Every structure is written in structure tokens, then in C-alpha cells.
């Protein structure tokens, strides 16, 4: 049996997370991130992190799913829009 037998793409029509922001400002290596509940897997970073008004407040960037033995943890981060603007400013032409 194939894993995709009976797969219905409509079942994924709404794959939003609950929208929990665990920390509004986590600084990692001098960059400002939102700690979020959205899972970030290899290949799906770069998507928008939206607020309740559908405004982009961050870009899904990276996550950690491995913790020390005996501890279940998943930490996911979105680069804050302000940080993104700061990072790309040197590359923009006036």
C-alpha cells in the first residue's frame, strides 16, 4: 500500500497553527526573532508569520526539534519584519 493511497488534498486546505507566540522577542546571534508554534521543517522556511489582522510580522525561518535526552521540545522561530528590513537595507538602492 502506498502512503498516498486515499490522499485528499482538500484535507490540507487550512493548515494554520493556533498562532501562539511563546516569546515576542528572542535575540539569537544579534538577530530578533518571534518564537512561534508553527512547525518549521527543512524546505518550508520563508513563509509569512501573520498577526490577527493578516499583516506580515515575521518570516518563518528555523526551528529546533531535538533537545537533551528526556526532554521533549520543539522551538520554532520567525525573523521579525523589523530585523529583516534592517538586514536587507544595505542591499537596497535609494
C-alpha atoms as a PDB file:
ATOM      1  CA  UNK A   1       0.000   0.000   0.000  1.00  0.00           C
ATOM      2  CA  UNK A   2       1.307   3.422  -0.979  1.00  0.00           C
ATOM      3  CA  UNK A   3       1.411   6.117   1.728  1.00  0.00           C
ATOM      4  CA  UNK A   4      -0.576   8.432  -0.556  1.00  0.00           C
ATOM      5  CA  UNK A   5      -3.410   5.989  -1.323  1.00  0.00           C
ATOM      6  CA  UNK A   6      -6.590   7.787  -0.354  1.00  0.00           C
ATOM      7  CA  UNK A   7      -4.773  11.117  -0.042  1.00  0.00           C
ATOM      8  CA  UNK A   8      -7.183  14.015  -0.329  1.00  0.00           C
ATOM      9  CA  UNK A   9      -5.507  17.405  -0.933  1.00  0.00           C
ATOM     10  CA  UNK A  10      -8.642  19.141   0.357  1.00  0.00           C
ATOM     11  CA  UNK A  11      -7.833  17.841   3.829  1.00  0.00           C
ATOM     12  CA  UNK A  12      -4.939  20.330   3.918  1.00  0.00           C
ATOM     13  CA  UNK A  13      -6.965  23.339   2.802  1.00  0.00           C
ATOM     14  CA  UNK A  14      -6.389  25.027   6.166  1.00  0.00           C
ATOM     15  CA  UNK A  15      -3.118  24.158   7.850  1.00  0.00           C
ATOM     16  CA  UNK A  16      -2.753  27.210  10.047  1.00  0.00           C
ATOM     17  CA  UNK A  17      -1.385  26.814  13.536  1.00  0.00           C
ATOM     18  CA  UNK A  18      -3.029  28.257  16.638  1.00  0.00           C
ATOM     19  CA  UNK A  19      -0.883  31.339  16.368  1.00  0.00           C
ATOM     20  CA  UNK A  20       0.807  31.090  19.711  1.00  0.00           C
ATOM     21  CA  UNK A  21       3.777  33.400  20.142  1.00  0.00           C
ATOM     22  CA  UNK A  22       5.826  31.992  23.006  1.00  0.00           C
ATOM     23  CA  UNK A  23       8.170  34.958  23.011  1.00  0.00           C
ATOM     24  CA  UNK A  24       7.710  38.192  21.087  1.00  0.00           C
ATOM     25  CA  UNK A  25      11.410  38.975  21.013  1.00  0.00           C
ATOM     26  CA  UNK A  26      14.098  36.325  21.208  1.00  0.00           C
ATOM     27  CA  UNK A  27      17.596  37.504  20.370  1.00  0.00           C
ATOM     28  CA  UNK A  28      19.797  34.874  18.767  1.00  0.00           C
ATOM     29  CA  UNK A  29      23.230  35.890  17.489  1.00  0.00           C
ATOM     30  CA  UNK A  30      22.227  39.573  17.462  1.00  0.00           C
ATOM     31  CA  UNK A  31      19.061  38.961  15.407  1.00  0.00           C
ATOM     32  CA  UNK A  32      15.495  39.464  16.631  1.00  0.00           C
ATOM     33  CA  UNK A  33      13.030  36.563  16.287  1.00  0.00           C
ATOM     34  CA  UNK A  34       9.474  35.637  17.261  1.00  0.00           C
ATOM     35  CA  UNK A  35       9.251  32.250  18.964  1.00  0.00           C
ATOM     36  CA  UNK A  36       6.165  30.646  17.392  1.00  0.00           C
ATOM     37  CA  UNK A  37       4.135  27.426  17.468  1.00  0.00           C
ATOM     38  CA  UNK A  38       4.284  26.944  13.682  1.00  0.00           C
ATOM     39  CA  UNK A  39       6.422  23.935  12.869  1.00  0.00           C
ATOM     40  CA  UNK A  40       9.278  24.721  10.504  1.00  0.00           C
ATOM     41  CA  UNK A  41      10.663  21.784   8.569  1.00  0.00           C
ATOM     42  CA  UNK A  42      13.568  21.791   6.132  1.00  0.00           C
ATOM     43  CA  UNK A  43      12.343  23.308   2.894  1.00  0.00           C
ATOM     44  CA  UNK A  44       9.359  25.249   4.235  1.00  0.00           C
ATOM     45  CA  UNK A  45      11.060  28.274   5.745  1.00  0.00           C
ATOM     46  CA  UNK A  46      10.417  31.656   4.166  1.00  0.00           C
ATOM     47  CA  UNK A  47       6.654  31.695   4.651  1.00  0.00           C
ATOM     48  CA  UNK A  48       4.928  34.637   6.311  1.00  0.00           C
ATOM     49  CA  UNK A  49       4.077  34.821  10.008  1.00  0.00           C
ATOM     50  CA  UNK A  50       0.814  36.766  10.197  1.00  0.00           C
ATOM     51  CA  UNK A  51      -0.938  38.603  13.006  1.00  0.00           C
ATOM     52  CA  UNK A  52      -4.731  38.626  13.558  1.00  0.00           C
ATOM     53  CA  UNK A  53      -5.058  41.467  11.014  1.00  0.00           C
ATOM     54  CA  UNK A  54      -3.313  39.347   8.341  1.00  0.00           C
ATOM     55  CA  UNK A  55      -0.255  41.599   8.444  1.00  0.00           C
ATOM     56  CA  UNK A  56       3.146  40.005   7.970  1.00  0.00           C
ATOM     57  CA  UNK A  57       5.048  40.330  11.254  1.00  0.00           C
ATOM     58  CA  UNK A  58       7.779  37.815  10.546  1.00  0.00           C
ATOM     59  CA  UNK A  59       9.217  35.246   8.173  1.00  0.00           C
ATOM     60  CA  UNK A  60       9.282  31.589   9.269  1.00  0.00           C
ATOM     61  CA  UNK A  61      12.973  30.867   9.458  1.00  0.00           C
ATOM     62  CA  UNK A  62      14.211  27.948  11.542  1.00  0.00           C
ATOM     63  CA  UNK A  63      13.401  25.501  14.286  1.00  0.00           C
ATOM     64  CA  UNK A  64      14.945  23.119  16.775  1.00  0.00           C
ATOM     65  CA  UNK A  65      13.249  19.801  17.348  1.00  0.00           C
ATOM     66  CA  UNK A  66      15.975  17.976  19.255  1.00  0.00           C
ATOM     67  CA  UNK A  67      16.574  18.571  22.923  1.00  0.00           C
ATOM     68  CA  UNK A  68      18.708  16.833  25.555  1.00  0.00           C
ATOM     69  CA  UNK A  69      17.694  13.271  26.398  1.00  0.00           C
ATOM     70  CA  UNK A  70      14.408  13.002  28.265  1.00  0.00           C
ATOM     71  CA  UNK A  71      13.175  16.456  27.281  1.00  0.00           C
ATOM     72  CA  UNK A  72      10.552  16.837  24.560  1.00  0.00           C
ATOM     73  CA  UNK A  73      10.864  20.229  22.957  1.00  0.00           C
ATOM     74  CA  UNK A  74      10.244  21.987  19.695  1.00  0.00           C
ATOM     75  CA  UNK A  75      11.312  25.575  19.253  1.00  0.00           C
ATOM     76  CA  UNK A  76      10.407  27.458  16.082  1.00  0.00           C
ATOM     77  CA  UNK A  77      11.392  30.970  15.086  1.00  0.00           C
ATOM     78  CA  UNK A  78      10.326  33.653  12.637  1.00  0.00           C
ATOM     79  CA  UNK A  79      12.614  36.545  11.804  1.00  0.00           C
ATOM     80  CA  UNK A  80      10.861  39.747  12.876  1.00  0.00           C
ATOM     81  CA  UNK A  81       9.966  42.064   9.975  1.00  0.00           C
ATOM     82  CA  UNK A  82      11.926  44.937  11.543  1.00  0.00           C
ATOM     83  CA  UNK A  83      15.008  42.722  11.711  1.00  0.00           C
ATOM     84  CA  UNK A  84      14.504  41.662   8.100  1.00  0.00           C
ATOM     85  CA  UNK A  85      14.278  45.306   6.990  1.00  0.00           C
ATOM     86  CA  UNK A  86      17.489  46.066   8.868  1.00  0.00           C
ATOM     87  CA  UNK A  87      19.273  43.080   7.298  1.00  0.00           C
ATOM     88  CA  UNK A  88      18.343  43.915   3.701  1.00  0.00           C
ATOM     89  CA  UNK A  89      18.775  47.711   3.919  1.00  0.00           C
ATOM     90  CA  UNK A  90      22.430  47.672   2.769  1.00  0.00           C
ATOM     91  CA  UNK A  91      21.362  45.868  -0.421  1.00  0.00           C
ATOM     92  CA  UNK A  92      18.577  48.269  -1.415  1.00  0.00           C
ATOM     93  CA  UNK A  93      19.079  51.132  -3.842  1.00  0.00           C
ATOM     94  CA  UNK A  94      17.607  54.520  -2.973  1.00  0.00           C
END
